[in-house]
């Protein structure tokens, strides 16, 4: 069943100013436990892990807007391929920034990256749709803007073939998702509902048992038999396949044109207002990185895996990285209509009150970059200012 529905466009529409406030009552989150923002501090900066500056090449050139540095966050995850490839030392994005140095920070979860953005510990970040929505809602539309797309796809339902042979067999089984209320959890709950099955979103109990499990331990949970399958992003899905699981469903098949946002680029609103030239340079680098990845897929895969090895201590094995990389598309289009649908899925699951997302996008700088590259502009689907 494809996921289409009328867009929940607000009165502000595309004419809404990026900093316009919206009423507080329409954005209250029903369950903070479902979509948490506050988590324990990580690393020396208090929110994420900063890469070792001693190993980074000294930047050269003129500083944009006189700014010494721009702090950028991302995950050590293949769905953040643009950041893994583009942010490498002396890479495409740094070249666009000239003498303004990238200070990269890595995160393990969206809530910690949103908290870092709110605190000013990072300025720009690669992140998934659910934490973007939650961060926008919790700050009453004041702290962040989505400024670009980055990746589509890379999410699969993988199962134990001895226990689950067809989609109907999922009923009565134990299926892992990464976190209560995260992007994949919401997607799985919505899929379950579309099949006519009932699950309590908070407890995960019902016709299917939803077991919230950190991606790092999901393969071990599968090997031990404590779960029968998982609705997870790459490379976790391919790690499970390497353990004998099979892909039962690729989430892309559920979406129009088989595309849905899995990673986008966000910016702190105050940073966007104060340093638009820096933001534009980062977006220029992102667009050029995505083009390079598409033109050089094998080299890009190797670069991304090398970045993962540097960040995590070891590269992904061939049997994992190859299928994982194949299922992810790098994109500039934020696929705004699919984010709107994902928000509605969270509402229908009872994890989110009906949100007002007008103004969550500011795609003006991205479209300026795309026009300069001779590329088509992209739409905010009525949820931002072009």
Protein backbone atom coordinates (compact mmCIF):
# COMPACT_ATOMS: atom_id res chain seq x y z
CA UNK A 1 0.00 0.00 0.00
CA UNK A 2 1.61 3.26 -1.09
CA UNK A 3 1.75 6.14 1.33
CA UNK A 4 -0.10 9.03 -0.18
CA UNK A 5 -2.47 11.49 1.43
CA UNK A 6 -3.46 15.14 1.10
CA UNK A 7 -0.74 17.51 2.26
CA UNK A 8 -1.36 19.20 5.63
CA UNK A 9 -0.32 22.62 4.38
CA UNK A 10 -0.82 25.50 6.77
CA UNK A 11 -2.16 28.94 6.05
CA UNK A 12 1.35 30.36 6.11
CA UNK A 13 2.25 28.22 3.09
CA UNK A 14 5.22 29.13 0.99
CA UNK A 15 4.89 32.77 1.89
CA UNK A 16 5.65 32.20 5.57
CA UNK A 17 8.76 33.96 6.80
CA UNK A 18 11.42 31.53 7.97
CA UNK A 19 11.37 32.93 11.49
CA UNK A 20 7.61 33.27 11.82
CA UNK A 21 6.24 31.85 15.06
CA UNK A 22 3.26 29.52 15.14
CA UNK A 23 0.84 28.83 17.95
CA UNK A 24 2.18 26.70 20.77
CA UNK A 25 -0.92 24.63 21.35
CA UNK A 26 -0.84 22.90 17.97
CA UNK A 27 2.61 21.44 18.59
CA UNK A 28 2.52 19.86 22.03
CA UNK A 29 4.02 16.39 21.98
CA UNK A 30 1.85 13.81 23.71
CA UNK A 31 4.67 11.61 24.91
CA UNK A 32 8.13 12.98 25.61
CA UNK A 33 9.21 9.42 26.27
CA UNK A 34 8.31 8.54 22.72
CA UNK A 35 10.31 11.32 21.11
CA UNK A 36 12.94 12.38 23.64
CA UNK A 37 15.17 15.40 23.25
CA UNK A 38 17.20 15.29 26.44
CA UNK A 39 19.77 12.50 26.70
CA UNK A 40 23.02 11.95 28.53
CA UNK A 41 26.03 14.01 27.52
CA UNK A 42 28.41 12.42 25.04
CA UNK A 43 32.07 13.18 24.50
CA UNK A 44 34.16 16.12 25.56
CA UNK A 45 31.90 18.75 24.00
CA UNK A 46 28.95 17.44 26.02
CA UNK A 47 26.87 16.33 23.02
CA UNK A 48 28.94 14.56 20.40
CA UNK A 49 32.41 13.31 19.60
CA UNK A 50 34.77 15.74 17.90
CA UNK A 51 37.24 14.32 15.43
CA UNK A 52 40.94 14.69 16.27
CA UNK A 53 41.96 18.15 15.04
CA UNK A 54 45.65 17.21 15.05
CA UNK A 55 45.07 14.96 12.03
CA UNK A 56 43.23 17.55 9.98
CA UNK A 57 44.96 19.49 7.22
CA UNK A 58 45.35 23.21 7.86
CA UNK A 59 42.71 25.09 5.89
CA UNK A 60 43.68 27.83 3.49
CA UNK A 61 41.92 30.64 1.68
CA UNK A 62 39.68 33.50 2.68
CA UNK A 63 37.32 33.03 5.60
CA UNK A 64 33.68 33.37 4.60
CA UNK A 65 32.07 36.26 6.43
CA UNK A 66 35.22 36.37 8.59
CA UNK A 67 34.05 33.20 10.39
CA UNK A 68 36.82 31.01 11.81
CA UNK A 69 34.87 27.77 11.92
CA UNK A 70 31.53 26.06 11.30
CA UNK A 71 30.51 23.18 13.57
CA UNK A 72 28.85 20.33 11.66
CA UNK A 73 27.21 17.20 13.08
CA UNK A 74 26.43 13.85 11.48
CA UNK A 75 26.23 10.11 12.20
CA UNK A 76 28.76 7.37 11.48
CA UNK A 77 26.11 5.75 9.28
CA UNK A 78 25.85 5.02 5.55
CA UNK A 79 22.57 6.96 5.36
CA UNK A 80 24.81 9.99 6.07
CA UNK A 81 26.92 9.23 3.01
CA UNK A 82 27.03 12.87 1.88
CA UNK A 83 28.64 13.88 5.16
CA UNK A 84 30.96 10.85 5.30
CA UNK A 85 32.32 11.63 1.84
CA UNK A 86 32.01 15.42 1.68
CA UNK A 87 33.34 16.25 5.14
CA UNK A 88 36.54 14.25 4.86
CA UNK A 89 39.72 16.15 5.56
CA UNK A 90 40.36 18.55 2.68
CA UNK A 91 37.23 17.34 0.92
CA UNK A 92 34.63 18.97 -1.28
CA UNK A 93 32.73 20.83 1.45
CA UNK A 94 35.89 22.22 3.05
CA UNK A 95 37.05 23.50 -0.33
CA UNK A 96 33.81 25.45 -0.68
CA UNK A 97 34.37 26.99 2.76
CA UNK A 98 37.89 28.22 2.02
CA UNK A 99 39.51 29.46 5.22
CA UNK A 100 36.45 28.81 7.38
CA UNK A 101 37.33 25.53 9.05
CA UNK A 102 34.92 22.61 9.47
CA UNK A 103 34.69 21.33 13.04
CA UNK A 104 33.04 17.90 12.64
CA UNK A 105 31.13 16.15 15.43
CA UNK A 106 29.62 12.67 15.28
CA UNK A 107 26.51 11.52 17.12
CA UNK A 108 24.88 8.20 17.92
CA UNK A 109 21.26 9.40 17.97
CA UNK A 110 19.09 12.20 16.63
CA UNK A 111 17.94 13.56 20.01
CA UNK A 112 21.54 14.27 21.08
CA UNK A 113 22.25 16.09 17.82
CA UNK A 114 19.11 18.22 18.21
CA UNK A 115 20.14 19.08 21.76
CA UNK A 116 23.59 20.08 20.49
CA UNK A 117 22.01 22.31 17.86
CA UNK A 118 19.77 23.93 20.46
CA UNK A 119 22.77 24.56 22.71
CA UNK A 120 24.88 26.02 19.90
CA UNK A 121 27.41 23.18 20.08
CA UNK A 122 26.83 22.61 16.36
CA UNK A 123 25.59 24.96 13.64
CA UNK A 124 24.55 22.57 10.87
CA UNK A 125 23.74 18.86 10.93
CA UNK A 126 22.83 15.82 8.89
CA UNK A 127 19.92 14.09 10.64
CA UNK A 128 16.78 12.01 10.12
CA UNK A 129 13.20 13.26 9.66
CA UNK A 130 11.69 12.28 13.04
CA UNK A 131 14.22 14.16 15.20
CA UNK A 132 13.91 17.11 12.79
CA UNK A 133 10.15 17.17 13.28
CA UNK A 134 10.46 16.73 17.02
CA UNK A 135 13.13 19.41 17.34
CA UNK A 136 11.01 21.87 15.39
CA UNK A 137 7.88 21.06 17.40
CA UNK A 138 9.57 21.17 20.81
CA UNK A 139 11.20 24.54 20.08
CA UNK A 140 7.88 25.99 18.87
CA UNK A 141 9.31 26.49 15.41
CA UNK A 142 12.18 28.68 16.59
CA UNK A 143 15.41 26.68 16.62
CA UNK A 144 15.95 24.88 13.34
CA UNK A 145 15.22 24.82 9.62
CA UNK A 146 15.58 21.98 7.14
CA UNK A 147 17.67 23.36 4.30
CA UNK A 148 18.30 20.34 2.05
CA UNK A 149 17.75 16.69 1.45
CA UNK A 150 20.60 14.19 1.68
CA UNK A 151 19.44 10.58 1.36
CA UNK A 152 16.46 8.41 0.49
CA UNK A 153 15.84 4.74 1.16
CA UNK A 154 18.06 2.31 3.02
CA UNK A 155 15.37 0.91 5.34
CA UNK A 156 14.22 -2.72 5.24
CA UNK A 157 12.14 -5.29 7.07
CA UNK A 158 14.48 -8.26 7.50
CA UNK A 159 13.31 -11.49 9.11
CA UNK A 160 14.24 -14.98 10.18
CA UNK A 161 13.26 -17.07 7.12
CA UNK A 162 12.61 -20.14 9.28
CA UNK A 163 9.85 -18.28 11.14
CA UNK A 164 8.58 -15.72 8.62
CA UNK A 165 8.12 -16.62 4.98
CA UNK A 166 5.54 -14.03 3.87
CA UNK A 167 4.23 -10.67 5.09
CA UNK A 168 1.24 -12.19 6.89
CA UNK A 169 3.62 -14.29 8.99
CA UNK A 170 4.85 -11.12 10.75
CA UNK A 171 1.68 -11.18 12.86
CA UNK A 172 2.43 -12.68 16.26
CA UNK A 173 6.19 -12.26 15.89
CA UNK A 174 8.77 -10.09 17.68
CA UNK A 175 10.10 -7.33 15.43
CA UNK A 176 12.79 -4.86 16.48
CA UNK A 177 12.84 -1.15 15.73
CA UNK A 178 15.70 1.18 16.81
CA UNK A 179 13.88 3.40 19.32
CA UNK A 180 10.39 4.28 20.50
CA UNK A 181 9.12 7.03 18.21
CA UNK A 182 12.13 7.12 15.91
CA UNK A 183 11.72 7.24 12.11
CA UNK A 184 11.74 3.46 11.59
CA UNK A 185 9.54 2.80 14.62
CA UNK A 186 6.88 5.15 13.28
CA UNK A 187 7.12 3.59 9.81
CA UNK A 188 6.67 0.07 11.17
CA UNK A 189 3.74 1.06 13.38
CA UNK A 190 2.08 2.67 10.37
CA UNK A 191 2.67 -0.44 8.24
CA UNK A 192 1.17 -2.63 10.96
CA UNK A 193 -1.88 -0.39 11.14
CA UNK A 194 -2.32 -0.48 7.35
CA UNK A 195 -2.44 -4.29 7.55
CA UNK A 196 -5.32 -4.07 10.02
CA UNK A 197 -3.31 -5.27 13.03
CA UNK A 198 -3.35 -3.52 16.40
CA UNK A 199 -0.33 -2.58 18.50
CA UNK A 200 -0.13 -0.24 21.49
CA UNK A 201 2.47 2.29 20.37
CA UNK A 202 3.86 2.97 23.82
CA UNK A 203 4.27 -0.61 25.07
CA UNK A 204 4.79 -2.25 21.69
CA UNK A 205 2.35 -5.01 22.65
CA UNK A 206 -0.37 -6.30 20.38
CA UNK A 207 -0.81 -8.37 17.25
CA UNK A 208 2.91 -7.84 16.69
CA UNK A 209 5.45 -7.38 19.48
CA UNK A 210 7.53 -4.28 18.73
CA UNK A 211 10.86 -4.62 20.52
CA UNK A 212 12.80 -1.34 20.72
CA UNK A 213 16.46 -2.31 20.35
CA UNK A 214 19.57 -0.22 19.74
CA UNK A 215 20.91 -0.90 16.23
CA UNK A 216 24.29 -1.81 17.70
CA UNK A 217 22.84 -4.81 19.56
CA UNK A 218 20.11 -5.84 17.08
CA UNK A 219 22.34 -8.39 15.27
CA UNK A 220 23.13 -10.10 18.60
CA UNK A 221 19.43 -10.04 19.52
CA UNK A 222 18.67 -11.73 16.21
CA UNK A 223 21.37 -14.37 16.69
CA UNK A 224 20.08 -15.16 20.19
CA UNK A 225 16.51 -15.59 18.92
CA UNK A 226 15.08 -12.85 21.11
CA UNK A 227 13.69 -11.15 17.98
CA UNK A 228 12.27 -12.66 14.81
CA UNK A 229 13.13 -9.74 12.57
CA UNK A 230 13.70 -5.99 12.44
CA UNK A 231 12.56 -2.85 10.60
CA UNK A 232 15.90 -1.07 10.48
CA UNK A 233 18.13 1.24 8.43
CA UNK A 234 21.33 0.30 6.71
CA UNK A 235 23.83 -1.03 7.43
CA UNK A 236 22.00 -2.87 10.25
CA UNK A 237 19.67 -4.54 7.74
CA UNK A 238 22.59 -5.95 5.75
CA UNK A 239 24.35 -7.02 8.95
CA UNK A 240 21.28 -9.12 9.77
CA UNK A 241 21.25 -10.59 6.27
CA UNK A 242 24.89 -11.58 6.78
CA UNK A 243 23.67 -13.48 9.87
CA UNK A 244 21.16 -15.45 7.80
CA UNK A 245 18.13 -13.14 7.77
CA UNK A 246 16.32 -12.31 4.54
CA UNK A 247 14.85 -9.06 3.25
CA UNK A 248 11.06 -9.38 3.35
CA UNK A 249 10.24 -5.78 2.42
CA UNK A 250 12.14 -2.69 1.30
CA UNK A 251 10.35 0.39 2.68
CA UNK A 252 10.99 2.23 -0.59
CA UNK A 253 8.32 0.03 -2.20
CA UNK A 254 5.70 1.70 0.00
CA UNK A 255 6.35 5.24 -1.21
CA UNK A 256 5.49 7.12 -4.43
CA UNK A 257 8.41 6.86 -6.89
CA UNK A 258 10.04 4.59 -4.29
CA UNK A 259 11.55 7.63 -2.56
CA UNK A 260 11.26 8.90 1.01
CA UNK A 261 13.52 11.07 3.13
CA UNK A 262 15.80 9.22 5.51
CA UNK A 263 18.39 12.00 6.01
CA UNK A 264 18.16 15.77 5.59
CA UNK A 265 20.30 18.78 6.44
CA UNK A 266 19.27 21.15 9.21
CA UNK A 267 20.66 24.46 10.47
CA UNK A 268 20.27 26.51 13.61
CA UNK A 269 18.00 29.40 12.68
CA UNK A 270 20.16 32.08 14.27
CA UNK A 271 23.22 30.76 12.39
CA UNK A 272 21.30 30.84 9.10
CA UNK A 273 20.31 34.46 9.71
CA UNK A 274 23.80 35.55 10.78
CA UNK A 275 25.93 33.54 8.31
CA UNK A 276 23.92 32.77 5.15
CA UNK A 277 27.09 32.77 2.99
CA UNK A 278 28.60 30.00 5.13
CA UNK A 279 25.38 27.97 4.93
CA UNK A 280 25.31 28.47 1.16
CA UNK A 281 28.90 27.24 0.90
CA UNK A 282 28.06 24.09 2.86
CA UNK A 283 25.05 23.48 0.61
CA UNK A 284 27.17 24.04 -2.47
CA UNK A 285 29.59 21.44 -1.14
CA UNK A 286 26.72 19.05 -0.35
CA UNK A 287 25.27 19.32 -3.86
CA UNK A 288 28.70 18.82 -5.44
CA UNK A 289 29.39 15.86 -3.14
CA UNK A 290 26.13 14.19 -4.11
CA UNK A 291 26.95 14.67 -7.78
CA UNK A 292 30.42 13.18 -7.24
CA UNK A 293 28.96 10.19 -5.38
CA UNK A 294 26.55 9.49 -8.24
CA UNK A 295 29.30 9.82 -10.83
CA UNK A 296 31.81 7.72 -8.86
CA UNK A 297 29.77 5.17 -6.86
CA UNK A 298 32.56 2.68 -6.22
CA UNK A 299 35.10 5.29 -5.13
CA UNK A 300 32.44 7.00 -3.03
CA UNK A 301 31.53 3.71 -1.33
CA UNK A 302 35.20 3.12 -0.52
CA UNK A 303 35.57 6.67 0.85
CA UNK A 304 32.43 6.30 2.98
CA UNK A 305 33.64 2.98 4.36
CA UNK A 306 37.07 4.45 5.07
CA UNK A 307 35.37 7.26 7.00
CA UNK A 308 33.38 4.67 8.99
CA UNK A 309 36.59 2.81 9.77
CA UNK A 310 38.15 6.01 11.09
CA UNK A 311 35.10 6.84 13.18
CA UNK A 312 34.21 3.39 14.52
CA UNK A 313 37.52 1.55 14.45
CA UNK A 314 36.73 -0.87 11.61
CA UNK A 315 35.25 -0.81 8.12
CA UNK A 316 32.10 -2.66 7.12
CA UNK A 317 32.80 -6.03 5.47
CA UNK A 318 32.09 -6.38 1.77
CA UNK A 319 29.00 -8.54 2.30
CA UNK A 320 27.48 -5.75 4.38
CA UNK A 321 28.64 -2.54 2.70
CA UNK A 322 27.81 -3.60 -0.87
CA UNK A 323 24.05 -4.28 -0.46
CA UNK A 324 23.68 -1.45 2.05
CA UNK A 325 25.25 1.08 -0.32
CA UNK A 326 23.13 -0.15 -3.22
CA UNK A 327 19.88 0.58 -1.36
CA UNK A 328 20.66 4.22 -0.47
CA UNK A 329 20.18 7.16 -2.87
CA UNK A 330 21.91 10.48 -2.21
CA UNK A 331 19.59 13.38 -3.05
CA UNK A 332 19.37 17.16 -2.85
CA UNK A 333 15.57 17.24 -2.84
CA UNK A 334 14.33 17.03 0.78
CA UNK A 335 11.21 15.13 -0.37
CA UNK A 336 9.17 17.41 1.85
CA UNK A 337 5.85 15.69 1.16
CA UNK A 338 7.22 12.44 2.58
CA UNK A 339 8.34 14.16 5.78
CA UNK A 340 4.83 15.57 6.10
CA UNK A 341 3.47 12.03 5.71
CA UNK A 342 5.89 10.71 8.31
CA UNK A 343 4.63 13.32 10.77
CA UNK A 344 1.06 12.22 10.08
CA UNK A 345 2.03 8.58 10.68
CA UNK A 346 3.34 9.58 14.12
CA UNK A 347 0.06 11.38 14.82
CA UNK A 348 -1.97 8.33 13.79
CA UNK A 349 0.19 6.10 15.99
CA UNK A 350 -0.59 8.32 18.98
CA UNK A 351 3.02 9.46 19.40
CA UNK A 352 2.54 13.08 18.35
CA UNK A 353 -0.19 15.70 18.55
CA UNK A 354 -1.12 17.20 15.19
CA UNK A 355 1.90 19.45 14.44
CA UNK A 356 2.04 22.71 12.54
CA UNK A 357 5.09 22.28 10.32
CA UNK A 358 4.70 25.49 8.32
CA UNK A 359 8.12 27.08 8.04
CA UNK A 360 10.14 23.96 8.88
CA UNK A 361 11.84 24.28 5.47
CA UNK A 362 13.94 27.12 4.12
CA UNK A 363 15.11 26.01 0.69
CA UNK A 364 16.03 29.40 -0.73
CA UNK A 365 19.79 28.88 -0.53
CA UNK A 366 19.58 25.31 -1.83
CA UNK A 367 17.53 26.44 -4.81
CA UNK A 368 20.01 29.27 -5.45
CA UNK A 369 22.79 26.66 -5.55
CA UNK A 370 20.77 24.34 -7.80
CA UNK A 371 19.99 27.15 -10.25
CA UNK A 372 23.69 28.05 -10.41
CA UNK A 373 24.43 24.41 -11.23
CA UNK A 374 21.79 24.42 -13.97
CA UNK A 375 19.64 22.00 -11.99
CA UNK A 376 15.87 22.02 -11.30
CA UNK A 377 14.76 23.64 -8.06
CA UNK A 378 12.96 21.65 -5.34
CA UNK A 379 9.75 22.18 -3.38
CA UNK A 380 8.96 22.53 0.31
CA UNK A 381 5.47 21.07 -0.34
CA UNK A 382 3.87 24.13 1.24
CA UNK A 383 5.87 23.78 4.47
CA UNK A 384 8.42 26.54 4.02
CA UNK A 385 9.68 29.52 2.12
CA UNK A 386 11.19 29.03 -1.32
